[in-house]
Amino acid sequence: MHVLYVIQSKKDFTFYIGITLNMQNRLDAHNRGKVFSTKRKIPWELIYCEIYKSKTDAADREQKLKNHGAAWYRIKERIKNSILKPN
């Protein structure tokens, strides 16, 4: 199964959206600094995921969240109590 995921940096509270076949391994890679685009904002926490049978469906959803503000806004509204906030 293909997992679309949203992680959030505990360092500066920014988000990263991606897809993977193995969520635990991917989150570990983010937190070990193995992912170039996220290594400067370690540590990361998984805050949302969706599971798809089709890689194409997962990739289409990823692009919608990254490129269409309304789709990303609806996700953030749905998970508002899971999003990390500064103290």
N, C-alpha and C. Protein backbone atom coordinates (compact mmCIF):
# COMPACT_ATOMS: atom_id res chain seq x y z
N MET A 1 0.83 -1.18 0.00
CA MET A 1 0.00 0.00 0.00
C MET A 1 0.88 1.25 0.00
N HIS A 2 0.41 2.28 -0.62
CA HIS A 2 1.12 3.55 -0.72
C HIS A 2 0.54 4.52 0.29
N VAL A 3 1.42 5.13 1.06
CA VAL A 3 0.98 6.03 2.13
C VAL A 3 1.33 7.46 1.76
N LEU A 4 0.32 8.30 1.72
CA LEU A 4 0.52 9.74 1.63
C LEU A 4 0.62 10.21 3.07
N TYR A 5 1.65 10.98 3.39
CA TYR A 5 1.83 11.37 4.78
C TYR A 5 2.15 12.86 4.91
N VAL A 6 1.81 13.38 6.07
CA VAL A 6 2.18 14.75 6.44
C VAL A 6 2.94 14.65 7.75
N ILE A 7 4.15 15.20 7.74
CA ILE A 7 4.93 15.28 8.97
C ILE A 7 5.11 16.76 9.30
N GLN A 8 5.36 17.01 10.58
CA GLN A 8 5.57 18.38 11.02
C GLN A 8 6.84 18.45 11.84
N SER A 9 7.62 19.49 11.60
CA SER A 9 8.87 19.69 12.33
C SER A 9 8.56 20.18 13.73
N LYS A 10 9.18 19.54 14.72
CA LYS A 10 9.07 20.02 16.10
C LYS A 10 10.00 21.21 16.33
N LYS A 11 10.88 21.45 15.38
CA LYS A 11 11.84 22.55 15.50
C LYS A 11 11.20 23.88 15.13
N ASP A 12 10.55 23.93 13.95
CA ASP A 12 9.98 25.21 13.51
C ASP A 12 8.52 25.10 13.06
N PHE A 13 7.91 23.92 13.27
CA PHE A 13 6.49 23.68 13.04
C PHE A 13 6.07 23.72 11.56
N THR A 14 7.04 23.61 10.64
CA THR A 14 6.72 23.54 9.23
C THR A 14 6.25 22.12 8.89
N PHE A 15 5.65 21.98 7.70
CA PHE A 15 5.10 20.71 7.25
C PHE A 15 5.87 20.16 6.07
N TYR A 16 5.81 18.85 5.90
CA TYR A 16 6.36 18.18 4.72
C TYR A 16 5.34 17.13 4.31
N ILE A 17 5.03 17.08 3.02
CA ILE A 17 4.07 16.12 2.47
C ILE A 17 4.83 15.19 1.54
N GLY A 18 4.60 13.88 1.66
CA GLY A 18 5.27 12.92 0.80
C GLY A 18 4.47 11.63 0.68
N ILE A 19 5.00 10.69 -0.11
CA ILE A 19 4.40 9.37 -0.23
C ILE A 19 5.50 8.32 -0.05
N THR A 20 5.10 7.16 0.46
CA THR A 20 6.05 6.09 0.72
C THR A 20 5.34 4.75 0.74
N LEU A 21 6.12 3.68 0.66
CA LEU A 21 5.58 2.33 0.84
C LEU A 21 5.74 1.86 2.28
N ASN A 22 6.67 2.46 3.01
CA ASN A 22 6.93 2.03 4.39
C ASN A 22 7.03 3.28 5.28
N MET A 23 5.95 3.58 5.97
CA MET A 23 5.88 4.81 6.75
C MET A 23 6.93 4.86 7.85
N GLN A 24 7.11 3.79 8.60
CA GLN A 24 8.06 3.80 9.71
C GLN A 24 9.48 4.04 9.22
N ASN A 25 9.88 3.34 8.16
CA ASN A 25 11.23 3.54 7.61
C ASN A 25 11.42 4.96 7.10
N ARG A 26 10.39 5.50 6.45
CA ARG A 26 10.50 6.85 5.90
C ARG A 26 10.60 7.89 7.02
N LEU A 27 9.79 7.75 8.06
CA LEU A 27 9.86 8.69 9.18
C LEU A 27 11.22 8.60 9.86
N ASP A 28 11.73 7.39 10.01
CA ASP A 28 13.08 7.21 10.58
C ASP A 28 14.13 7.91 9.71
N ALA A 29 14.00 7.79 8.39
CA ALA A 29 14.95 8.44 7.47
C ALA A 29 14.89 9.96 7.64
N HIS A 30 13.70 10.51 7.75
CA HIS A 30 13.56 11.96 7.97
C HIS A 30 14.27 12.36 9.27
N ASN A 31 14.06 11.59 10.32
CA ASN A 31 14.61 11.96 11.63
C ASN A 31 16.09 11.64 11.80
N ARG A 32 16.65 10.83 10.92
CA ARG A 32 18.10 10.56 10.94
C ARG A 32 18.87 11.50 10.01
N GLY A 33 18.15 12.41 9.34
CA GLY A 33 18.80 13.36 8.43
C GLY A 33 19.16 12.77 7.09
N LYS A 34 18.51 11.68 6.69
CA LYS A 34 18.80 11.02 5.41
C LYS A 34 18.03 11.62 4.24
N VAL A 35 17.11 12.53 4.51
CA VAL A 35 16.30 13.17 3.47
C VAL A 35 16.78 14.62 3.34
N PHE A 36 17.34 14.96 2.20
CA PHE A 36 17.97 16.27 2.00
C PHE A 36 17.03 17.41 2.36
N SER A 37 15.78 17.34 1.90
CA SER A 37 14.88 18.48 2.06
C SER A 37 14.36 18.66 3.49
N THR A 38 14.58 17.69 4.38
CA THR A 38 14.06 17.81 5.74
C THR A 38 15.13 17.74 6.82
N LYS A 39 16.37 17.52 6.45
CA LYS A 39 17.39 17.25 7.47
C LYS A 39 17.70 18.44 8.37
N ARG A 40 17.43 19.66 7.93
CA ARG A 40 17.72 20.83 8.75
C ARG A 40 16.63 21.14 9.77
N LYS A 41 15.54 20.39 9.74
CA LYS A 41 14.41 20.70 10.63
C LYS A 41 14.04 19.52 11.54
N ILE A 42 14.99 18.65 11.81
CA ILE A 42 14.78 17.51 12.70
C ILE A 42 14.49 18.03 14.11
N PRO A 43 13.62 17.42 14.86
CA PRO A 43 12.89 16.18 14.64
C PRO A 43 11.53 16.41 13.97
N TRP A 44 11.02 15.35 13.35
CA TRP A 44 9.73 15.36 12.66
C TRP A 44 8.76 14.42 13.36
N GLU A 45 7.49 14.77 13.27
CA GLU A 45 6.44 13.93 13.85
C GLU A 45 5.35 13.71 12.79
N LEU A 46 4.90 12.47 12.67
CA LEU A 46 3.80 12.14 11.76
C LEU A 46 2.52 12.71 12.35
N ILE A 47 1.79 13.51 11.55
CA ILE A 47 0.53 14.06 12.05
C ILE A 47 -0.68 13.65 11.22
N TYR A 48 -0.45 13.07 10.01
CA TYR A 48 -1.59 12.69 9.17
C TYR A 48 -1.12 11.72 8.10
N CYS A 49 -1.97 10.77 7.73
CA CYS A 49 -1.67 9.90 6.59
C CYS A 49 -2.95 9.39 5.95
N GLU A 50 -2.83 9.04 4.69
CA GLU A 50 -3.89 8.41 3.91
C GLU A 50 -3.25 7.22 3.20
N ILE A 51 -3.99 6.13 3.06
CA ILE A 51 -3.46 4.92 2.44
C ILE A 51 -4.16 4.66 1.12
N TYR A 52 -3.38 4.36 0.09
CA TYR A 52 -3.89 4.11 -1.25
C TYR A 52 -3.34 2.80 -1.79
N LYS A 53 -4.15 2.09 -2.52
CA LYS A 53 -3.70 0.87 -3.20
C LYS A 53 -2.85 1.25 -4.42
N SER A 54 -3.24 2.32 -5.09
CA SER A 54 -2.57 2.75 -6.31
C SER A 54 -1.54 3.85 -6.03
N LYS A 55 -0.35 3.67 -6.56
CA LYS A 55 0.69 4.70 -6.44
C LYS A 55 0.26 5.98 -7.17
N THR A 56 -0.42 5.82 -8.30
CA THR A 56 -0.90 6.98 -9.05
C THR A 56 -1.89 7.79 -8.24
N ASP A 57 -2.81 7.13 -7.55
CA ASP A 57 -3.77 7.85 -6.71
C ASP A 57 -3.06 8.61 -5.59
N ALA A 58 -2.09 7.97 -4.97
CA ALA A 58 -1.34 8.63 -3.90
C ALA A 58 -0.57 9.83 -4.43
N ALA A 59 0.05 9.68 -5.59
CA ALA A 59 0.82 10.78 -6.18
C ALA A 59 -0.10 11.93 -6.60
N ASP A 60 -1.27 11.60 -7.13
CA ASP A 60 -2.24 12.65 -7.50
C ASP A 60 -2.68 13.43 -6.27
N ARG A 61 -2.94 12.72 -5.18
CA ARG A 61 -3.36 13.38 -3.94
C ARG A 61 -2.23 14.24 -3.38
N GLU A 62 -1.01 13.74 -3.44
CA GLU A 62 0.14 14.52 -2.98
C GLU A 62 0.23 15.84 -3.75
N GLN A 63 0.10 15.78 -5.06
CA GLN A 63 0.17 17.00 -5.87
C GLN A 63 -0.96 17.97 -5.56
N LYS A 64 -2.15 17.43 -5.30
CA LYS A 64 -3.28 18.31 -4.93
C LYS A 64 -2.97 19.05 -3.63
N LEU A 65 -2.45 18.33 -2.64
CA LEU A 65 -2.14 18.97 -1.36
C LEU A 65 -1.01 19.99 -1.49
N LYS A 66 -0.04 19.71 -2.34
CA LYS A 66 1.09 20.61 -2.50
C LYS A 66 0.77 21.83 -3.36
N ASN A 67 -0.16 21.68 -4.29
CA ASN A 67 -0.40 22.75 -5.28
C ASN A 67 -1.74 23.45 -5.18
N HIS A 68 -2.64 22.94 -4.37
CA HIS A 68 -3.98 23.54 -4.27
C HIS A 68 -4.25 23.90 -2.82
N GLY A 69 -4.18 25.18 -2.54
CA GLY A 69 -4.33 25.66 -1.17
C GLY A 69 -5.61 25.20 -0.49
N ALA A 70 -6.70 25.10 -1.24
CA ALA A 70 -7.97 24.72 -0.64
C ALA A 70 -7.92 23.29 -0.11
N ALA A 71 -7.27 22.39 -0.82
CA ALA A 71 -7.17 20.99 -0.36
C ALA A 71 -6.33 20.92 0.91
N TRP A 72 -5.23 21.63 0.94
CA TRP A 72 -4.36 21.65 2.13
C TRP A 72 -5.07 22.31 3.30
N TYR A 73 -5.82 23.37 3.05
CA TYR A 73 -6.59 24.04 4.10
C TYR A 73 -7.60 23.09 4.74
N ARG A 74 -8.30 22.29 3.91
CA ARG A 74 -9.29 21.33 4.43
C ARG A 74 -8.63 20.27 5.31
N ILE A 75 -7.45 19.80 4.92
CA ILE A 75 -6.73 18.83 5.76
C ILE A 75 -6.37 19.48 7.10
N LYS A 76 -5.83 20.69 7.05
CA LYS A 76 -5.44 21.36 8.29
C LYS A 76 -6.65 21.61 9.20
N GLU A 77 -7.78 21.91 8.64
CA GLU A 77 -9.00 22.07 9.45
C GLU A 77 -9.41 20.74 10.08
N ARG A 78 -9.28 19.64 9.32
CA ARG A 78 -9.67 18.32 9.80
C ARG A 78 -8.78 17.85 10.94
N ILE A 79 -7.51 18.23 10.92
CA ILE A 79 -6.56 17.74 11.93
C ILE A 79 -6.08 18.85 12.86
N LYS A 80 -6.85 19.90 13.01
CA LYS A 80 -6.40 21.08 13.76
C LYS A 80 -5.94 20.77 15.18
N ASN A 81 -6.48 19.74 15.81
CA ASN A 81 -6.07 19.40 17.16
C ASN A 81 -4.82 18.52 17.20
N SER A 82 -4.38 18.05 16.04
CA SER A 82 -3.16 17.22 15.95
C SER A 82 -1.94 18.02 15.54
N ILE A 83 -2.16 19.22 15.02
CA ILE A 83 -1.05 20.05 14.55
C ILE A 83 -0.31 20.61 15.77
N LEU A 84 1.02 20.51 15.71
CA LEU A 84 1.87 21.04 16.79
C LEU A 84 1.86 22.56 16.73
N LYS A 85 1.85 23.17 17.90
CA LYS A 85 1.86 24.63 17.99
C LYS A 85 2.97 25.07 18.92
N PRO A 86 3.56 26.24 18.64
CA PRO A 86 4.59 26.75 19.57
C PRO A 86 4.01 26.97 20.95
N ASN A 87 4.84 26.79 21.96
CA ASN A 87 4.39 26.99 23.36
C ASN A 87 4.12 28.44 23.65
